[in-house]
Each structure stands twice: as structure tokens, then as C-alpha cells.
């Protein structure tokens, strides 16, 4: 029972471990691409569970105390809050942490090299087209892979009497 509150390492080492693991795992998630974030499958849930188990020892070391676990949890929550706070106040940090939308189709043309780089399949794109009321890429003025992994389709608009022109709303 006395081991319940006795830390196996100094308190600051828990915080250092949490910061390092948080930063490294965040970097790995960002490198995995936006599309991985937009689709949660059974494989993704398995990956999350295994990832949590894999980093457990990096976080805890040999410690099994209640205090160590609570200190780690508090540290991770504070780091997450801090990252959220920073991303709302700095566009650069937001772009670094969350990324930016990526153009994947424009003026009826699919950008295949971008699809491959972002790990978006033709089937994913076709499903996004159907969900947003388009039957073919030729109906697309612009398609974006959003930072959350979802695909946004902006359909072409035509003015009555003017064939083949895009009448997209102008930017403010």
C-alpha cells in the first residue's frame, strides 16, 4: 500500500517524459497525413490502443504509483490545453500542428499526384462527390482535403445563358 503514493523517479522526469512523448507522437500523427484522421476504421482504433500501450512504458518507466499516473495525466492534459491555446493565437503554430487544407481538384481536373501524396483513394474522392451531389469530377470547381481529413467539394456554377463559365463567388 505504501507504493501507491511513492514515485519511482523524480516528479520532473514524469513531466519531461510526457512532453517528449506528446511531441513525438503528435509529429508521427501529423506525418501520417490528413486522410488518416478523417476516416476512423477498426484498424485505426486498434492502432490507437496499441499506440497507447506502446508509449506507456516511455511515460511511466518503472513507476506504478497512483501519484505518477495522475501526474502524467495532468501533464498531458495541460500540454494538450497549451497546444490548443497556442494554436488559437498563432497562425504559424496552427499550421504547424494542424496543417492546412490541400487542393485536390480544380476546374474539373483531379490532381492525381496530390491524391497520392495525401493518401486519398479514387473511391474516397468518388464518395465525397456523391455525398455532395456531384456525379463526376467535371462538375467540380474546386475540391479540398480539409485539415480534419474530410473532402469538401465546391461545384461549378453556371449562369443562365452563359455556357462553360465558372461563376464562383468572389473572395471578400
N, C-alpha and C. Protein backbone atom coordinates (compact mmCIF):
# COMPACT_ATOMS: atom_id res chain seq x y z
N UNK A 1 0.81 -1.19 0.00
CA UNK A 1 0.00 0.00 0.00
C UNK A 1 0.86 1.26 0.00
N UNK A 2 2.04 1.20 0.60
CA UNK A 2 2.90 2.39 0.63
C UNK A 2 3.41 2.75 -0.76
N UNK A 3 3.49 1.78 -1.67
CA UNK A 3 3.94 2.05 -3.05
C UNK A 3 2.90 2.83 -3.84
N UNK A 4 1.70 2.92 -3.32
CA UNK A 4 0.62 3.59 -4.02
C UNK A 4 0.94 5.07 -4.27
N UNK A 5 1.64 5.70 -3.35
CA UNK A 5 1.93 7.13 -3.45
C UNK A 5 3.41 7.45 -3.60
N UNK A 6 4.27 6.45 -3.62
CA UNK A 6 5.71 6.66 -3.72
C UNK A 6 6.12 6.66 -5.19
N UNK A 7 6.70 7.74 -5.65
CA UNK A 7 7.14 7.86 -7.04
C UNK A 7 8.47 7.14 -7.22
N UNK A 8 8.63 6.44 -8.35
CA UNK A 8 9.85 5.69 -8.64
C UNK A 8 10.93 6.57 -9.26
N UNK A 9 10.58 7.79 -9.63
CA UNK A 9 11.54 8.73 -10.21
C UNK A 9 11.13 10.13 -9.80
N UNK A 10 12.00 11.12 -9.98
CA UNK A 10 11.64 12.49 -9.59
C UNK A 10 10.42 13.00 -10.37
N UNK A 11 9.64 13.89 -9.77
CA UNK A 11 8.41 14.40 -10.38
C UNK A 11 8.67 15.07 -11.73
N UNK A 12 9.81 15.78 -11.84
CA UNK A 12 10.11 16.49 -13.08
C UNK A 12 10.37 15.53 -14.23
N UNK A 13 10.81 14.30 -13.94
CA UNK A 13 11.05 13.32 -15.01
C UNK A 13 9.74 12.87 -15.64
N UNK A 14 8.68 12.78 -14.86
CA UNK A 14 7.35 12.46 -15.41
C UNK A 14 6.94 13.52 -16.41
N UNK A 15 7.14 14.78 -16.02
CA UNK A 15 6.74 15.89 -16.89
C UNK A 15 7.59 15.90 -18.16
N UNK A 16 8.88 15.71 -18.03
CA UNK A 16 9.77 15.66 -19.19
C UNK A 16 9.37 14.52 -20.13
N UNK A 17 9.12 13.35 -19.57
CA UNK A 17 8.70 12.20 -20.39
C UNK A 17 7.40 12.50 -21.12
N UNK A 18 6.45 13.11 -20.42
CA UNK A 18 5.16 13.43 -21.04
C UNK A 18 5.33 14.41 -22.20
N UNK A 19 6.14 15.43 -22.00
CA UNK A 19 6.37 16.43 -23.05
C UNK A 19 7.02 15.79 -24.28
N UNK A 20 8.04 14.98 -24.06
CA UNK A 20 8.75 14.34 -25.17
C UNK A 20 7.83 13.38 -25.92
N UNK A 21 7.11 12.52 -25.19
CA UNK A 21 6.22 11.55 -25.84
C UNK A 21 5.11 12.27 -26.58
N UNK A 22 4.52 13.30 -25.98
CA UNK A 22 3.46 14.07 -26.64
C UNK A 22 3.97 14.66 -27.96
N UNK A 23 5.12 15.30 -27.92
CA UNK A 23 5.67 15.95 -29.12
C UNK A 23 5.99 14.93 -30.21
N UNK A 24 6.58 13.81 -29.85
CA UNK A 24 6.95 12.79 -30.84
C UNK A 24 5.70 12.14 -31.45
N UNK A 25 4.73 11.79 -30.61
CA UNK A 25 3.51 11.15 -31.13
C UNK A 25 2.72 12.14 -31.98
N UNK A 26 2.65 13.42 -31.57
CA UNK A 26 1.99 14.43 -32.39
C UNK A 26 2.66 14.54 -33.76
N UNK A 27 3.98 14.54 -33.78
CA UNK A 27 4.72 14.58 -35.05
C UNK A 27 4.42 13.37 -35.92
N UNK A 28 4.36 12.19 -35.31
CA UNK A 28 4.06 10.99 -36.09
C UNK A 28 2.65 11.02 -36.65
N UNK A 29 1.69 11.51 -35.87
CA UNK A 29 0.31 11.61 -36.35
C UNK A 29 0.23 12.60 -37.50
N UNK A 30 0.94 13.74 -37.39
CA UNK A 30 0.93 14.72 -38.47
C UNK A 30 1.55 14.15 -39.74
N UNK A 31 2.62 13.36 -39.59
CA UNK A 31 3.26 12.77 -40.76
C UNK A 31 2.40 11.70 -41.42
N UNK A 32 1.49 11.11 -40.67
CA UNK A 32 0.65 10.04 -41.23
C UNK A 32 -0.37 10.59 -42.23
N UNK A 33 -0.58 11.89 -42.25
CA UNK A 33 -1.45 12.50 -43.26
C UNK A 33 -2.83 12.82 -42.73
N UNK A 34 -3.49 13.74 -43.45
CA UNK A 34 -4.82 14.19 -43.06
C UNK A 34 -5.87 13.12 -43.25
N UNK A 35 -5.75 12.35 -44.30
CA UNK A 35 -6.80 11.38 -44.61
C UNK A 35 -6.93 10.36 -43.50
N UNK A 36 -5.83 10.00 -42.85
CA UNK A 36 -5.89 9.05 -41.74
C UNK A 36 -6.76 9.59 -40.61
N UNK A 37 -6.81 10.90 -40.44
CA UNK A 37 -7.62 11.49 -39.38
C UNK A 37 -9.10 11.51 -39.74
N UNK A 38 -9.41 11.58 -41.02
CA UNK A 38 -10.80 11.71 -41.45
C UNK A 38 -11.57 10.43 -41.44
N UNK A 39 -10.92 9.30 -41.47
CA UNK A 39 -11.59 8.02 -41.52
C UNK A 39 -11.13 7.17 -40.35
N UNK A 40 -12.01 6.93 -39.43
CA UNK A 40 -11.68 6.06 -38.30
C UNK A 40 -12.28 4.69 -38.59
N UNK A 41 -11.40 3.74 -38.80
CA UNK A 41 -11.83 2.37 -39.07
C UNK A 41 -11.45 1.50 -37.88
N UNK A 42 -11.81 0.23 -37.94
CA UNK A 42 -11.42 -0.71 -36.88
C UNK A 42 -9.91 -0.77 -36.76
N UNK A 43 -9.20 -0.68 -37.86
CA UNK A 43 -7.73 -0.70 -37.85
C UNK A 43 -7.18 0.52 -37.13
N UNK A 44 -7.83 1.68 -37.32
CA UNK A 44 -7.39 2.90 -36.66
C UNK A 44 -7.59 2.82 -35.15
N UNK A 45 -8.72 2.25 -34.72
CA UNK A 45 -8.97 2.08 -33.29
C UNK A 45 -7.91 1.15 -32.70
N UNK A 46 -7.61 0.08 -33.40
CA UNK A 46 -6.57 -0.85 -32.95
C UNK A 46 -5.23 -0.13 -32.84
N UNK A 47 -4.91 0.69 -33.83
CA UNK A 47 -3.66 1.45 -33.81
C UNK A 47 -3.61 2.38 -32.60
N UNK A 48 -4.70 3.05 -32.30
CA UNK A 48 -4.75 3.96 -31.16
C UNK A 48 -4.51 3.21 -29.85
N UNK A 49 -5.17 2.07 -29.70
CA UNK A 49 -5.00 1.28 -28.48
C UNK A 49 -3.55 0.79 -28.36
N UNK A 50 -3.00 0.27 -29.44
CA UNK A 50 -1.63 -0.24 -29.42
C UNK A 50 -0.62 0.89 -29.22
N UNK A 51 -0.90 2.04 -29.80
CA UNK A 51 -0.02 3.19 -29.62
C UNK A 51 0.01 3.62 -28.16
N UNK A 52 -1.16 3.66 -27.54
CA UNK A 52 -1.22 3.98 -26.12
C UNK A 52 -0.44 3.00 -25.27
N UNK A 53 -0.56 1.73 -25.60
CA UNK A 53 0.18 0.70 -24.87
C UNK A 53 1.69 0.81 -25.13
N UNK A 54 2.04 1.15 -26.37
CA UNK A 54 3.46 1.24 -26.73
C UNK A 54 4.17 2.38 -26.00
N UNK A 55 3.49 3.50 -25.82
CA UNK A 55 4.13 4.65 -25.18
C UNK A 55 3.99 4.63 -23.65
N UNK A 56 3.23 3.68 -23.14
CA UNK A 56 3.03 3.62 -21.70
C UNK A 56 4.35 3.52 -20.93
N UNK A 57 5.22 2.62 -21.36
CA UNK A 57 6.49 2.47 -20.66
C UNK A 57 7.38 3.70 -20.82
N UNK A 58 7.30 4.36 -21.98
CA UNK A 58 8.08 5.58 -22.17
C UNK A 58 7.61 6.66 -21.21
N UNK A 59 6.33 6.67 -20.91
CA UNK A 59 5.79 7.66 -19.99
C UNK A 59 6.07 7.30 -18.54
N UNK A 60 5.79 6.07 -18.17
CA UNK A 60 5.85 5.67 -16.76
C UNK A 60 7.19 5.14 -16.30
N UNK A 61 7.99 4.62 -17.20
CA UNK A 61 9.23 3.97 -16.78
C UNK A 61 8.88 2.79 -15.88
N UNK A 62 9.49 2.71 -14.73
CA UNK A 62 9.21 1.63 -13.78
C UNK A 62 8.14 2.00 -12.75
N UNK A 63 7.62 3.19 -12.85
CA UNK A 63 6.67 3.67 -11.84
C UNK A 63 5.30 3.04 -12.03
N UNK A 64 4.70 2.61 -10.95
CA UNK A 64 3.34 2.09 -10.98
C UNK A 64 2.47 2.77 -9.92
N UNK A 65 2.94 3.90 -9.42
CA UNK A 65 2.21 4.58 -8.34
C UNK A 65 1.01 5.34 -8.88
N UNK A 66 0.05 5.54 -8.03
CA UNK A 66 -1.13 6.33 -8.35
C UNK A 66 -0.71 7.78 -8.62
N UNK A 67 0.17 8.30 -7.80
CA UNK A 67 0.64 9.67 -7.97
C UNK A 67 1.32 9.89 -9.31
N UNK A 68 2.15 8.93 -9.72
CA UNK A 68 2.83 9.05 -11.01
C UNK A 68 1.85 9.06 -12.16
N UNK A 69 0.86 8.18 -12.12
CA UNK A 69 -0.16 8.14 -13.17
C UNK A 69 -0.98 9.42 -13.23
N UNK A 70 -1.36 9.93 -12.06
CA UNK A 70 -2.13 11.18 -12.02
C UNK A 70 -1.30 12.37 -12.47
N UNK A 71 -0.02 12.40 -12.10
CA UNK A 71 0.87 13.47 -12.54
C UNK A 71 1.02 13.45 -14.06
N UNK A 72 1.17 12.26 -14.64
CA UNK A 72 1.26 12.14 -16.10
C UNK A 72 -0.04 12.59 -16.77
N UNK A 73 -1.17 12.14 -16.24
CA UNK A 73 -2.46 12.54 -16.82
C UNK A 73 -2.61 14.05 -16.78
N UNK A 74 -2.30 14.66 -15.65
CA UNK A 74 -2.41 16.12 -15.52
C UNK A 74 -1.46 16.83 -16.48
N UNK A 75 -0.26 16.30 -16.62
CA UNK A 75 0.72 16.90 -17.53
C UNK A 75 0.24 16.83 -18.98
N UNK A 76 -0.27 15.67 -19.40
CA UNK A 76 -0.76 15.52 -20.77
C UNK A 76 -1.95 16.43 -21.04
N UNK A 77 -2.84 16.55 -20.08
CA UNK A 77 -4.00 17.44 -20.25
C UNK A 77 -3.53 18.89 -20.35
N UNK A 78 -2.58 19.27 -19.53
CA UNK A 78 -2.04 20.65 -19.58
C UNK A 78 -1.33 20.91 -20.91
N UNK A 79 -0.56 19.95 -21.38
CA UNK A 79 0.13 20.12 -22.67
C UNK A 79 -0.91 20.28 -23.78
N UNK A 80 -1.93 19.44 -23.77
CA UNK A 80 -2.97 19.49 -24.79
C UNK A 80 -3.70 20.84 -24.74
N UNK A 81 -4.00 21.31 -23.55
CA UNK A 81 -4.63 22.63 -23.39
C UNK A 81 -3.69 23.72 -23.92
N UNK A 82 -2.43 23.63 -23.57
CA UNK A 82 -1.45 24.62 -24.02
C UNK A 82 -1.31 24.66 -25.53
N UNK A 83 -1.28 23.50 -26.16
CA UNK A 83 -1.19 23.45 -27.62
C UNK A 83 -2.45 24.06 -28.23
N UNK A 84 -3.62 23.75 -27.69
CA UNK A 84 -4.86 24.34 -28.17
C UNK A 84 -4.86 25.86 -28.01
N UNK A 85 -4.40 26.33 -26.87
CA UNK A 85 -4.33 27.76 -26.60
C UNK A 85 -3.39 28.44 -27.60
N UNK A 86 -2.23 27.84 -27.83
CA UNK A 86 -1.27 28.42 -28.78
C UNK A 86 -1.80 28.44 -30.21
N UNK A 87 -2.48 27.37 -30.62
CA UNK A 87 -2.98 27.32 -32.00
C UNK A 87 -4.08 28.32 -32.25
N UNK A 88 -4.81 28.73 -31.21
CA UNK A 88 -5.83 29.76 -31.41
C UNK A 88 -5.24 31.16 -31.45
N UNK A 89 -3.99 31.30 -31.06
CA UNK A 89 -3.37 32.62 -31.00
C UNK A 89 -2.26 32.83 -32.02
N UNK A 90 -1.84 31.78 -32.69
CA UNK A 90 -0.75 31.89 -33.66
C UNK A 90 -1.08 31.07 -34.91
N UNK A 91 -1.20 31.76 -36.04
CA UNK A 91 -1.49 31.09 -37.31
C UNK A 91 -0.36 30.14 -37.69
N UNK A 92 0.88 30.52 -37.40
CA UNK A 92 2.03 29.65 -37.72
C UNK A 92 1.98 28.35 -36.94
N UNK A 93 1.70 28.45 -35.65
CA UNK A 93 1.64 27.25 -34.82
C UNK A 93 0.44 26.40 -35.22
N UNK A 94 -0.68 27.05 -35.55
CA UNK A 94 -1.85 26.30 -36.01
C UNK A 94 -1.52 25.50 -37.27
N UNK A 95 -0.85 26.14 -38.22
CA UNK A 95 -0.48 25.45 -39.46
C UNK A 95 0.50 24.32 -39.18
N UNK A 96 1.42 24.53 -38.26
CA UNK A 96 2.40 23.50 -37.91
C UNK A 96 1.73 22.30 -37.25
N UNK A 97 0.84 22.55 -36.30
CA UNK A 97 0.21 21.48 -35.54
C UNK A 97 -0.92 20.81 -36.32
N UNK A 98 -1.79 21.63 -36.93
CA UNK A 98 -2.98 21.08 -37.56
C UNK A 98 -2.87 20.92 -39.07
N UNK A 99 -1.96 21.65 -39.70
CA UNK A 99 -1.85 21.59 -41.16
C UNK A 99 -2.78 22.58 -41.82
N UNK A 100 -2.85 22.52 -43.15
CA UNK A 100 -3.70 23.40 -43.92
C UNK A 100 -4.45 22.59 -44.96
N UNK A 101 -5.61 23.07 -45.41
CA UNK A 101 -6.33 22.36 -46.46
C UNK A 101 -5.48 22.24 -47.73
N UNK A 102 -5.70 21.16 -48.47
CA UNK A 102 -4.92 20.90 -49.67
C UNK A 102 -5.88 20.78 -50.86
N UNK A 103 -5.56 21.50 -51.93
CA UNK A 103 -6.36 21.43 -53.16
C UNK A 103 -6.12 20.09 -53.84
N UNK A 104 -7.21 19.34 -54.10
CA UNK A 104 -7.06 18.03 -54.74
C UNK A 104 -7.75 17.95 -56.11
N UNK A 105 -8.58 18.96 -56.44
CA UNK A 105 -9.19 19.03 -57.76
C UNK A 105 -9.54 20.48 -58.04
N UNK A 106 -9.44 20.85 -59.33
CA UNK A 106 -9.77 22.23 -59.71
C UNK A 106 -10.25 22.24 -61.15
N UNK A 107 -11.32 22.99 -61.38
CA UNK A 107 -11.87 23.18 -62.73
C UNK A 107 -12.07 21.86 -63.47
N UNK A 108 -12.65 20.90 -62.78
CA UNK A 108 -12.98 19.62 -63.40
C UNK A 108 -11.82 18.66 -63.57
N UNK A 109 -10.65 19.00 -63.03
CA UNK A 109 -9.47 18.14 -63.14
C UNK A 109 -9.03 17.66 -61.77
N UNK A 110 -8.87 16.37 -61.65
CA UNK A 110 -8.38 15.77 -60.42
C UNK A 110 -6.86 15.84 -60.42
N UNK A 111 -6.28 16.23 -59.31
CA UNK A 111 -4.83 16.33 -59.19
C UNK A 111 -4.29 15.02 -58.62
N UNK A 112 -4.02 14.06 -59.50
CA UNK A 112 -3.65 12.70 -59.10
C UNK A 112 -2.41 12.65 -58.21
N UNK A 113 -1.40 13.46 -58.52
CA UNK A 113 -0.18 13.42 -57.71
C UNK A 113 -0.46 13.88 -56.28
N UNK A 114 -1.37 14.84 -56.12
CA UNK A 114 -1.73 15.31 -54.78
C UNK A 114 -2.52 14.23 -54.05
N UNK A 115 -3.44 13.57 -54.76
CA UNK A 115 -4.19 12.47 -54.15
C UNK A 115 -3.25 11.40 -53.60
N UNK A 116 -2.27 11.04 -54.39
CA UNK A 116 -1.31 10.01 -53.95
C UNK A 116 -0.51 10.49 -52.74
N UNK A 117 -0.03 11.72 -52.80
CA UNK A 117 0.76 12.26 -51.70
C UNK A 117 -0.04 12.31 -50.40
N UNK A 118 -1.33 12.62 -50.51
CA UNK A 118 -2.20 12.76 -49.33
C UNK A 118 -2.90 11.45 -48.96
N UNK A 119 -2.62 10.38 -49.69
CA UNK A 119 -3.19 9.05 -49.43
C UNK A 119 -4.71 9.01 -49.55
N UNK A 120 -5.24 9.75 -50.53
CA UNK A 120 -6.68 9.75 -50.81
C UNK A 120 -6.91 8.83 -52.00
N UNK A 121 -7.80 7.86 -51.84
CA UNK A 121 -8.08 6.93 -52.93
C UNK A 121 -9.12 7.54 -53.87
N UNK A 122 -9.17 7.00 -55.08
CA UNK A 122 -10.20 7.41 -56.04
C UNK A 122 -11.59 7.12 -55.47
N UNK A 123 -11.71 6.02 -54.74
CA UNK A 123 -13.00 5.66 -54.14
C UNK A 123 -13.42 6.68 -53.09
N UNK A 124 -12.46 7.17 -52.28
CA UNK A 124 -12.77 8.21 -51.29
C UNK A 124 -13.25 9.48 -51.99
N UNK A 125 -12.57 9.85 -53.05
CA UNK A 125 -12.95 11.06 -53.78
C UNK A 125 -14.33 10.89 -54.41
N UNK A 126 -14.57 9.75 -55.03
CA UNK A 126 -15.88 9.49 -55.65
C UNK A 126 -17.00 9.52 -54.61
N UNK A 127 -16.76 8.98 -53.43
CA UNK A 127 -17.76 9.00 -52.36
C UNK A 127 -18.05 10.45 -51.95
N UNK A 128 -17.01 11.27 -51.84
CA UNK A 128 -17.20 12.68 -51.48
C UNK A 128 -18.00 13.40 -52.56
N UNK A 129 -17.73 13.08 -53.82
CA UNK A 129 -18.51 13.66 -54.92
C UNK A 129 -19.99 13.35 -54.75
N UNK A 130 -20.29 12.07 -54.56
CA UNK A 130 -21.68 11.64 -54.43
C UNK A 130 -22.36 12.28 -53.21
N UNK A 131 -21.65 12.33 -52.09
CA UNK A 131 -22.21 12.90 -50.87
C UNK A 131 -22.57 14.37 -51.04
N UNK A 132 -21.86 15.04 -51.92
CA UNK A 132 -22.10 16.47 -52.09
C UNK A 132 -22.82 16.78 -53.40
N UNK A 133 -23.48 15.76 -53.97
CA UNK A 133 -24.38 15.96 -55.09
C UNK A 133 -23.75 16.07 -56.46
N UNK A 134 -22.50 15.68 -56.61
CA UNK A 134 -21.85 15.71 -57.92
C UNK A 134 -21.72 14.27 -58.44
N UNK A 135 -21.90 14.12 -59.73
CA UNK A 135 -21.78 12.79 -60.33
C UNK A 135 -20.41 12.55 -60.94
N UNK A 136 -19.71 13.63 -61.30
CA UNK A 136 -18.43 13.48 -62.00
C UNK A 136 -17.51 14.64 -61.62
N UNK A 137 -16.21 14.42 -61.74
CA UNK A 137 -15.23 15.45 -61.41
C UNK A 137 -15.38 16.68 -62.31
N UNK A 138 -15.97 16.50 -63.51
CA UNK A 138 -16.18 17.65 -64.40
C UNK A 138 -17.13 18.68 -63.79
N UNK A 139 -17.90 18.28 -62.79
CA UNK A 139 -18.83 19.20 -62.12
C UNK A 139 -18.17 19.98 -60.98
N UNK A 140 -16.87 19.76 -60.79
CA UNK A 140 -16.16 20.33 -59.64
C UNK A 140 -15.39 21.59 -60.03
N UNK A 141 -15.66 22.67 -59.31
CA UNK A 141 -14.85 23.88 -59.46
C UNK A 141 -13.59 23.74 -58.63
N UNK A 142 -13.76 23.19 -57.41
CA UNK A 142 -12.63 23.03 -56.51
C UNK A 142 -12.98 21.95 -55.50
N UNK A 143 -11.97 21.13 -55.15
CA UNK A 143 -12.12 20.14 -54.09
C UNK A 143 -10.93 20.27 -53.16
N UNK A 144 -11.23 20.31 -51.87
CA UNK A 144 -10.19 20.47 -50.86
C UNK A 144 -10.19 19.30 -49.89
N UNK A 145 -9.00 18.85 -49.54
CA UNK A 145 -8.84 17.91 -48.44
C UNK A 145 -8.64 18.77 -47.21
N UNK A 146 -9.64 18.79 -46.32
CA UNK A 146 -9.62 19.66 -45.15
C UNK A 146 -8.65 19.11 -44.11
N UNK A 147 -8.33 19.92 -43.11
CA UNK A 147 -7.36 19.51 -42.09
C UNK A 147 -7.87 18.36 -41.24
N UNK A 148 -9.19 18.17 -41.21
CA UNK A 148 -9.75 17.05 -40.44
C UNK A 148 -9.87 15.78 -41.27
N UNK A 149 -9.41 15.82 -42.53
CA UNK A 149 -9.43 14.63 -43.39
C UNK A 149 -10.64 14.50 -44.28
N UNK A 150 -11.63 15.38 -44.13
CA UNK A 150 -12.82 15.32 -44.97
C UNK A 150 -12.57 16.06 -46.27
N UNK A 151 -13.29 15.65 -47.31
CA UNK A 151 -13.15 16.28 -48.62
C UNK A 151 -14.34 17.21 -48.83
N UNK A 152 -14.04 18.48 -49.14
CA UNK A 152 -15.07 19.47 -49.44
C UNK A 152 -15.08 19.69 -50.95
N UNK A 153 -16.26 19.60 -51.54
CA UNK A 153 -16.43 19.82 -52.98
C UNK A 153 -17.16 21.13 -53.18
N UNK A 154 -16.60 22.01 -54.01
CA UNK A 154 -17.27 23.23 -54.44
C UNK A 154 -17.68 23.01 -55.89
N UNK A 155 -18.99 22.83 -56.13
CA UNK A 155 -19.42 22.53 -57.51
C UNK A 155 -19.31 23.76 -58.41
N UNK A 156 -19.19 23.48 -59.70
CA UNK A 156 -19.20 24.56 -60.69
C UNK A 156 -20.60 25.16 -60.72
N UNK A 157 -20.66 26.45 -60.95
CA UNK A 157 -21.95 27.13 -61.09
C UNK A 157 -21.97 27.78 -62.46
N UNK A 158 -23.10 27.66 -63.11
CA UNK A 158 -23.21 28.30 -64.42
C UNK A 158 -24.31 29.35 -64.38
N UNK A 159 -24.08 30.43 -65.12
CA UNK A 159 -25.06 31.49 -65.22
C UNK A 159 -25.98 31.17 -66.39
N UNK A 160 -27.28 31.33 -66.23
CA UNK A 160 -28.17 31.06 -67.36
C UNK A 160 -27.76 31.86 -68.59
N UNK A 161 -27.65 31.17 -69.70
CA UNK A 161 -27.28 31.81 -70.96
C UNK A 161 -25.79 31.86 -71.21
N UNK A 162 -24.96 31.51 -70.23
CA UNK A 162 -23.51 31.52 -70.42
C UNK A 162 -23.01 30.10 -70.19
N UNK A 163 -22.66 29.43 -71.25
CA UNK A 163 -22.22 28.04 -71.19
C UNK A 163 -20.74 27.95 -70.86
N UNK A 164 -20.37 26.98 -70.04
CA UNK A 164 -18.98 26.64 -69.82
C UNK A 164 -18.20 27.61 -68.94
N UNK A 165 -18.83 28.58 -68.31
CA UNK A 165 -18.12 29.51 -67.44
C UNK A 165 -18.38 29.18 -65.99
N UNK A 166 -17.34 29.33 -65.19
CA UNK A 166 -17.50 29.17 -63.74
C UNK A 166 -17.87 30.51 -63.15
N UNK A 167 -18.92 30.51 -62.38
CA UNK A 167 -19.29 31.73 -61.68
C UNK A 167 -19.20 31.47 -60.19
N UNK A 168 -17.98 31.37 -59.72
CA UNK A 168 -17.75 31.16 -58.30
C UNK A 168 -17.88 32.48 -57.58
N UNK A 169 -18.36 32.42 -56.36
CA UNK A 169 -18.43 33.67 -55.60
C UNK A 169 -17.03 34.25 -55.45
N UNK A 170 -16.92 35.58 -55.58
CA UNK A 170 -15.60 36.20 -55.46
C UNK A 170 -15.22 36.27 -53.99
N UNK A 171 -13.92 36.26 -53.77
CA UNK A 171 -13.40 36.33 -52.41
C UNK A 171 -13.65 37.71 -51.84
N UNK A 172 -13.98 37.79 -50.54
CA UNK A 172 -14.22 39.11 -49.94
C UNK A 172 -12.97 39.94 -49.88
